[in-house]
Amino acid sequence: MDTPKKNRVYIATSLDGYIADKNGGIEWLESVPNPENDDMGYEAFMAETDAIVMGRNTFDTVCSFDIPWPYKVPVFVISNTLEAIPKLYQTNVQLLRGTVKDALKQLHEKDMYSLYIDGGKLIQSFLREDLIDELIITTIPILLGDGIPLFSSLDKSLQFECLSSKRFTNSLSQNHYKRLKN
């Protein structure tokens, strides 16, 4: 029996579709108070995740946080420009080279099938190859006007269905989409 393979995205965007401001900043993600510290489904999402696959820019951003390593599952960075994972993170992170399809093959050989795809350019690459199965997008009610977009151009349209919509902290909306394939 084949193990189901699922590439999922869990991300927040501004109302105008940016995942970072024009300087790459993400401070605006905390612009809406969350006094109850609602995780908005993140822990449940992570409980179904075998590994995180992120791009280099996202990895660099995570490394810049002044916190202990935040992930409990294996993390893989896809990069053809990063020479090596910094020593501090080598016990938590592995470097993958090649295309997204090459990376998926390597991860599936390690019995990692439910993957959290993170990072704007990487998500766009997976979408261009039609390799995203689910999108969970939380919209922060702020217009950034410019920045790093979640989506980019595609060679063909990709149809999704909305599985659920939720509202958090009376301000945030979260939509869960599943890719419809013929």
C-alpha atoms as a PDB file:
ATOM      1  CA  MET A   1       0.000   0.000   0.000  1.00  0.00           C
ATOM      2  CA  ASP A   2       1.316   3.443  -0.919  1.00  0.00           C
ATOM      3  CA  THR A   3       1.656   5.951   1.912  1.00  0.00           C
ATOM      4  CA  PRO A   4      -0.304   9.106   1.071  1.00  0.00           C
ATOM      5  CA  LYS A   5       1.978  11.971   0.169  1.00  0.00           C
ATOM      6  CA  LYS A   6       0.807  15.415   1.215  1.00  0.00           C
ATOM      7  CA  ASN A   7       2.553  18.753   0.741  1.00  0.00           C
ATOM      8  CA  ARG A   8       0.887  21.409   2.857  1.00  0.00           C
ATOM      9  CA  VAL A   9       1.306  25.118   3.446  1.00  0.00           C
ATOM     10  CA  TYR A  10       0.449  26.896   6.712  1.00  0.00           C
ATOM     11  CA  ILE A  11       1.118  30.611   6.337  1.00  0.00           C
ATOM     12  CA  ALA A  12      -0.149  34.114   7.047  1.00  0.00           C
ATOM     13  CA  THR A  13      -0.564  36.909   4.545  1.00  0.00           C
ATOM     14  CA  SER A  14      -1.554  40.540   4.594  1.00  0.00           C
ATOM     15  CA  LEU A  15      -4.874  41.510   3.043  1.00  0.00           C
ATOM     16  CA  ASP A  16      -2.971  42.344  -0.137  1.00  0.00           C
ATOM     17  CA  GLY A  17      -1.281  38.935  -0.269  1.00  0.00           C
ATOM     18  CA  TYR A  18       2.209  39.603   1.115  1.00  0.00           C
ATOM     19  CA  ILE A  19       4.065  37.282   3.490  1.00  0.00           C
ATOM     20  CA  ALA A  20       6.730  39.869   4.375  1.00  0.00           C
ATOM     21  CA  ASP A  21       7.005  43.624   3.981  1.00  0.00           C
ATOM     22  CA  LYS A  22       9.213  45.307   1.378  1.00  0.00           C
ATOM     23  CA  ASN A  23      12.234  44.973   3.701  1.00  0.00           C
ATOM     24  CA  GLY A  24      11.555  41.296   4.375  1.00  0.00           C
ATOM     25  CA  GLY A  25      10.134  42.131   7.817  1.00  0.00           C
ATOM     26  CA  ILE A  26       7.418  40.086   9.476  1.00  0.00           C
ATOM     27  CA  GLU A  27       6.771  42.164  12.605  1.00  0.00           C
ATOM     28  CA  TRP A  28       3.333  43.069  11.209  1.00  0.00           C
ATOM     29  CA  LEU A  29       2.277  39.444  11.834  1.00  0.00           C
ATOM     30  CA  GLU A  30       1.840  40.428  15.476  1.00  0.00           C
ATOM     31  CA  SER A  31      -0.195  43.561  14.700  1.00  0.00           C
ATOM     32  CA  VAL A  32      -3.383  41.909  15.950  1.00  0.00           C
ATOM     33  CA  PRO A  33      -3.454  41.220  19.693  1.00  0.00           C
ATOM     34  CA  ASN A  34      -3.823  37.560  20.681  1.00  0.00           C
ATOM     35  CA  PRO A  35      -4.383  37.724  24.463  1.00  0.00           C
ATOM     36  CA  GLU A  36      -5.510  34.085  24.621  1.00  0.00           C
ATOM     37  CA  ASN A  37      -2.367  32.922  22.741  1.00  0.00           C
ATOM     38  CA  ASP A  38      -4.587  30.940  20.359  1.00  0.00           C
ATOM     39  CA  ASP A  39      -2.308  28.834  18.131  1.00  0.00           C
ATOM     40  CA  MET A  40      -4.961  28.933  15.373  1.00  0.00           C
ATOM     41  CA  GLY A  41      -4.600  25.247  14.616  1.00  0.00           C
ATOM     42  CA  TYR A  42      -0.817  25.234  14.312  1.00  0.00           C
ATOM     43  CA  GLU A  43      -0.188  22.440  16.855  1.00  0.00           C
ATOM     44  CA  ALA A  44      -2.816  20.207  15.224  1.00  0.00           C
ATOM     45  CA  PHE A  45      -1.231  20.946  11.830  1.00  0.00           C
ATOM     46  CA  MET A  46       2.232  20.083  13.156  1.00  0.00           C
ATOM     47  CA  ALA A  47       0.944  16.860  14.759  1.00  0.00           C
ATOM     48  CA  GLU A  48       0.278  15.629  11.198  1.00  0.00           C
ATOM     49  CA  THR A  49       3.654  16.783   9.843  1.00  0.00           C
ATOM     50  CA  ASP A  50       6.630  14.475   9.229  1.00  0.00           C
ATOM     51  CA  ALA A  51       9.065  17.258   8.303  1.00  0.00           C
ATOM     52  CA  ILE A  52       9.345  20.929   7.415  1.00  0.00           C
ATOM     53  CA  VAL A  53      10.803  21.892   4.060  1.00  0.00           C
ATOM     54  CA  MET A  54      11.848  25.524   3.836  1.00  0.00           C
ATOM     55  CA  GLY A  55      13.733  27.784   1.512  1.00  0.00           C
ATOM     56  CA  ARG A  56      16.959  29.513   2.373  1.00  0.00           C
ATOM     57  CA  ASN A  57      15.421  32.940   3.058  1.00  0.00           C
ATOM     58  CA  THR A  58      12.952  31.433   5.508  1.00  0.00           C
ATOM     59  CA  PHE A  59      15.742  29.470   7.180  1.00  0.00           C
ATOM     60  CA  ASP A  60      17.816  32.655   7.520  1.00  0.00           C
ATOM     61  CA  THR A  61      14.792  34.416   9.040  1.00  0.00           C
ATOM     62  CA  VAL A  62      14.209  31.601  11.569  1.00  0.00           C
ATOM     63  CA  CYS A  63      17.912  31.660  12.496  1.00  0.00           C
ATOM     64  CA  SER A  64      17.645  35.396  13.207  1.00  0.00           C
ATOM     65  CA  PHE A  65      15.023  34.876  15.941  1.00  0.00           C
ATOM     66  CA  ASP A  66      16.445  35.137  19.437  1.00  0.00           C
ATOM     67  CA  ILE A  67      14.725  31.943  20.614  1.00  0.00           C
ATOM     68  CA  PRO A  68      15.617  28.261  21.036  1.00  0.00           C
ATOM     69  CA  TRP A  69      15.124  26.132  17.917  1.00  0.00           C
ATOM     70  CA  PRO A  70      11.314  26.189  17.481  1.00  0.00           C
ATOM     71  CA  TYR A  71      10.644  22.917  15.640  1.00  0.00           C
ATOM     72  CA  LYS A  72      10.171  19.400  16.984  1.00  0.00           C
ATOM     73  CA  VAL A  73      10.155  17.681  13.575  1.00  0.00           C
ATOM     74  CA  PRO A  74      13.079  17.389  11.150  1.00  0.00           C
ATOM     75  CA  VAL A  75      13.764  20.480   9.053  1.00  0.00           C
ATOM     76  CA  PHE A  76      15.165  20.418   5.534  1.00  0.00           C
ATOM     77  CA  VAL A  77      16.380  23.501   3.699  1.00  0.00           C
ATOM     78  CA  ILE A  78      16.276  23.421  -0.083  1.00  0.00           C
ATOM     79  CA  SER A  79      19.052  25.626  -1.420  1.00  0.00           C
ATOM     80  CA  ASN A  80      21.511  25.492  -4.260  1.00  0.00           C
ATOM     81  CA  THR A  81      23.437  28.519  -2.921  1.00  0.00           C
ATOM     82  CA  LEU A  82      23.861  27.723   0.788  1.00  0.00           C
ATOM     83  CA  GLU A  83      27.254  26.047   1.227  1.00  0.00           C
ATOM     84  CA  ALA A  84      26.423  24.298   4.506  1.00  0.00           C
ATOM     85  CA  ILE A  85      24.056  24.448   7.450  1.00  0.00           C
ATOM     86  CA  PRO A  86      25.646  26.569  10.212  1.00  0.00           C
ATOM     87  CA  LYS A  87      27.164  24.421  12.975  1.00  0.00           C
ATOM     88  CA  LEU A  88      24.641  25.671  15.566  1.00  0.00           C
ATOM     89  CA  TYR A  89      21.765  24.139  13.565  1.00  0.00           C
ATOM     90  CA  GLN A  90      23.326  20.984  12.149  1.00  0.00           C
ATOM     91  CA  THR A  91      21.611  18.680  14.653  1.00  0.00           C
ATOM     92  CA  ASN A  92      18.190  20.078  13.650  1.00  0.00           C
ATOM     93  CA  VAL A  93      18.514  20.894   9.960  1.00  0.00           C
ATOM     94  CA  GLN A  94      19.660  19.134   6.813  1.00  0.00           C
ATOM     95  CA  LEU A  95      20.488  20.727   3.472  1.00  0.00           C
ATOM     96  CA  LEU A  96      18.876  19.480   0.262  1.00  0.00           C
ATOM     97  CA  ARG A  97      20.044  20.472  -3.213  1.00  0.00           C
ATOM     98  CA  GLY A  98      18.417  20.231  -6.610  1.00  0.00           C
ATOM     99  CA  THR A  99      14.848  20.772  -7.735  1.00  0.00           C
ATOM    100  CA  VAL A 100      11.758  20.477  -5.571  1.00  0.00           C
ATOM    101  CA  LYS A 101      11.052  17.127  -7.237  1.00  0.00           C
ATOM    102  CA  ASP A 102      14.583  15.951  -6.329  1.00  0.00           C
ATOM    103  CA  ALA A 103      13.995  17.057  -2.735  1.00  0.00           C
ATOM    104  CA  LEU A 104      10.664  15.245  -2.535  1.00  0.00           C
ATOM    105  CA  LYS A 105      12.247  12.048  -3.809  1.00  0.00           C
ATOM    106  CA  GLN A 106      14.949  12.276  -1.121  1.00  0.00           C
ATOM    107  CA  LEU A 107      12.373  12.933   1.620  1.00  0.00           C
ATOM    108  CA  HIS A 108      10.099  10.107   0.512  1.00  0.00           C
ATOM    109  CA  GLU A 109      13.108   7.773   0.613  1.00  0.00           C
ATOM    110  CA  LYS A 110      13.426   8.801   4.298  1.00  0.00           C
ATOM    111  CA  ASP A 111       9.729   7.876   4.857  1.00  0.00           C
ATOM    112  CA  MET A 112       8.698  11.511   5.185  1.00  0.00           C
ATOM    113  CA  TYR A 113       5.434  12.037   3.362  1.00  0.00           C
ATOM    114  CA  SER A 114       3.402  14.716   5.162  1.00  0.00           C
ATOM    115  CA  LEU A 115       5.449  17.837   4.530  1.00  0.00           C
ATOM    116  CA  TYR A 116       5.055  21.423   5.676  1.00  0.00           C
ATOM    117  CA  ILE A 117       6.294  23.609   2.816  1.00  0.00           C
ATOM    118  CA  ASP A 118       7.412  27.027   4.085  1.00  0.00           C
ATOM    119  CA  GLY A 119       8.837  30.097   2.409  1.00  0.00           C
ATOM    120  CA  GLY A 120       7.517  32.297  -0.383  1.00  0.00           C
ATOM    121  CA  LYS A 121       9.831  31.322  -3.232  1.00  0.00           C
ATOM    122  CA  LEU A 122       9.721  27.647  -2.263  1.00  0.00           C
ATOM    123  CA  ILE A 123       5.919  27.622  -2.088  1.00  0.00           C
ATOM    124  CA  GLN A 124       5.840  29.298  -5.500  1.00  0.00           C
ATOM    125  CA  SER A 125       8.200  26.627  -6.872  1.00  0.00           C
ATOM    126  CA  PHE A 126       6.006  23.835  -5.501  1.00  0.00           C
ATOM    127  CA  LEU A 127       2.911  25.494  -6.972  1.00  0.00           C
ATOM    128  CA  ARG A 128       4.565  25.856 -10.402  1.00  0.00           C
ATOM    129  CA  GLU A 129       5.160  22.085 -10.318  1.00  0.00           C
ATOM    130  CA  ASP A 130       1.590  21.504  -9.026  1.00  0.00           C
ATOM    131  CA  LEU A 131       2.949  19.876  -5.881  1.00  0.00           C
ATOM    132  CA  ILE A 132       0.884  21.606  -3.176  1.00  0.00           C
ATOM    133  CA  ASP A 133      -2.034  19.556  -1.860  1.00  0.00           C
ATOM    134  CA  GLU A 134      -3.340  21.893   0.845  1.00  0.00           C
ATOM    135  CA  LEU A 135      -3.093  25.587   1.688  1.00  0.00           C
ATOM    136  CA  ILE A 136      -3.974  26.956   5.120  1.00  0.00           C
ATOM    137  CA  ILE A 137      -3.829  30.723   4.835  1.00  0.00           C
ATOM    138  CA  THR A 138      -4.460  33.102   7.720  1.00  0.00           C
ATOM    139  CA  THR A 139      -5.168  36.655   6.603  1.00  0.00           C
ATOM    140  CA  ILE A 140      -3.964  39.504   8.804  1.00  0.00           C
ATOM    141  CA  PRO A 141      -6.132  42.631   8.323  1.00  0.00           C
ATOM    142  CA  ILE A 142      -3.347  44.952   7.208  1.00  0.00           C
ATOM    143  CA  LEU A 143      -2.432  46.352   3.794  1.00  0.00           C
ATOM    144  CA  LEU A 144       1.340  46.387   3.342  1.00  0.00           C
ATOM    145  CA  GLY A 145       1.282  47.929  -0.128  1.00  0.00           C
ATOM    146  CA  ASP A 146       4.473  46.150  -1.175  1.00  0.00           C
ATOM    147  CA  GLY A 147       6.576  43.222  -0.100  1.00  0.00           C
ATOM    148  CA  ILE A 148       7.174  39.550  -0.738  1.00  0.00           C
ATOM    149  CA  PRO A 149       4.048  38.010  -2.305  1.00  0.00           C
ATOM    150  CA  LEU A 150       2.785  34.565  -1.433  1.00  0.00           C
ATOM    151  CA  PHE A 151       1.861  33.817  -5.029  1.00  0.00           C
ATOM    152  CA  SER A 152       3.545  34.419  -8.379  1.00  0.00           C
ATOM    153  CA  SER A 153       2.741  33.639 -12.000  1.00  0.00           C
ATOM    154  CA  LEU A 154       1.831  30.099 -13.004  1.00  0.00           C
ATOM    155  CA  ASP A 155       1.848  28.366 -16.382  1.00  0.00           C
ATOM    156  CA  LYS A 156      -1.670  27.052 -15.728  1.00  0.00           C
ATOM    157  CA  SER A 157      -4.424  27.708 -13.240  1.00  0.00           C
ATOM    158  CA  LEU A 158      -4.717  25.453 -10.195  1.00  0.00           C
ATOM    159  CA  GLN A 159      -8.143  24.859  -8.695  1.00  0.00           C
ATOM    160  CA  PHE A 160      -8.684  24.443  -4.958  1.00  0.00           C
ATOM    161  CA  GLU A 161     -11.778  23.899  -2.850  1.00  0.00           C
ATOM    162  CA  CYS A 162     -12.309  25.573   0.497  1.00  0.00           C
ATOM    163  CA  LEU A 163     -12.590  22.924   3.216  1.00  0.00           C
ATOM    164  CA  SER A 164     -13.136  25.378   6.047  1.00  0.00           C
ATOM    165  CA  SER A 165     -13.080  29.027   7.084  1.00  0.00           C
ATOM    166  CA  LYS A 166     -12.461  30.157  10.639  1.00  0.00           C
ATOM    167  CA  ARG A 167     -12.225  33.465  12.430  1.00  0.00           C
ATOM    168  CA  PHE A 168      -9.740  34.114  15.217  1.00  0.00           C
ATOM    169  CA  THR A 169      -9.350  37.025  17.670  1.00  0.00           C
ATOM    170  CA  ASN A 170     -12.305  38.768  15.976  1.00  0.00           C
ATOM    171  CA  SER A 171      -9.908  39.975  13.273  1.00  0.00           C
ATOM    172  CA  LEU A 172      -8.121  37.135  11.505  1.00  0.00           C
ATOM    173  CA  SER A 173      -9.610  34.813   8.916  1.00  0.00           C
ATOM    174  CA  GLN A 174      -8.141  31.422   8.165  1.00  0.00           C
ATOM    175  CA  ASN A 175      -9.086  29.439   5.075  1.00  0.00           C
ATOM    176  CA  HIS A 176      -8.144  25.809   4.490  1.00  0.00           C
ATOM    177  CA  TYR A 177      -7.988  24.801   0.828  1.00  0.00           C
ATOM    178  CA  LYS A 178      -7.486  21.425  -0.831  1.00  0.00           C
ATOM    179  CA  ARG A 179      -6.130  21.069  -4.355  1.00  0.00           C
ATOM    180  CA  LEU A 180      -8.647  19.653  -6.820  1.00  0.00           C
ATOM    181  CA  LYS A 181      -6.959  17.416  -9.353  1.00  0.00           C
ATOM    182  CA  ASN A 182      -8.533  15.689 -12.322  1.00  0.00           C
END
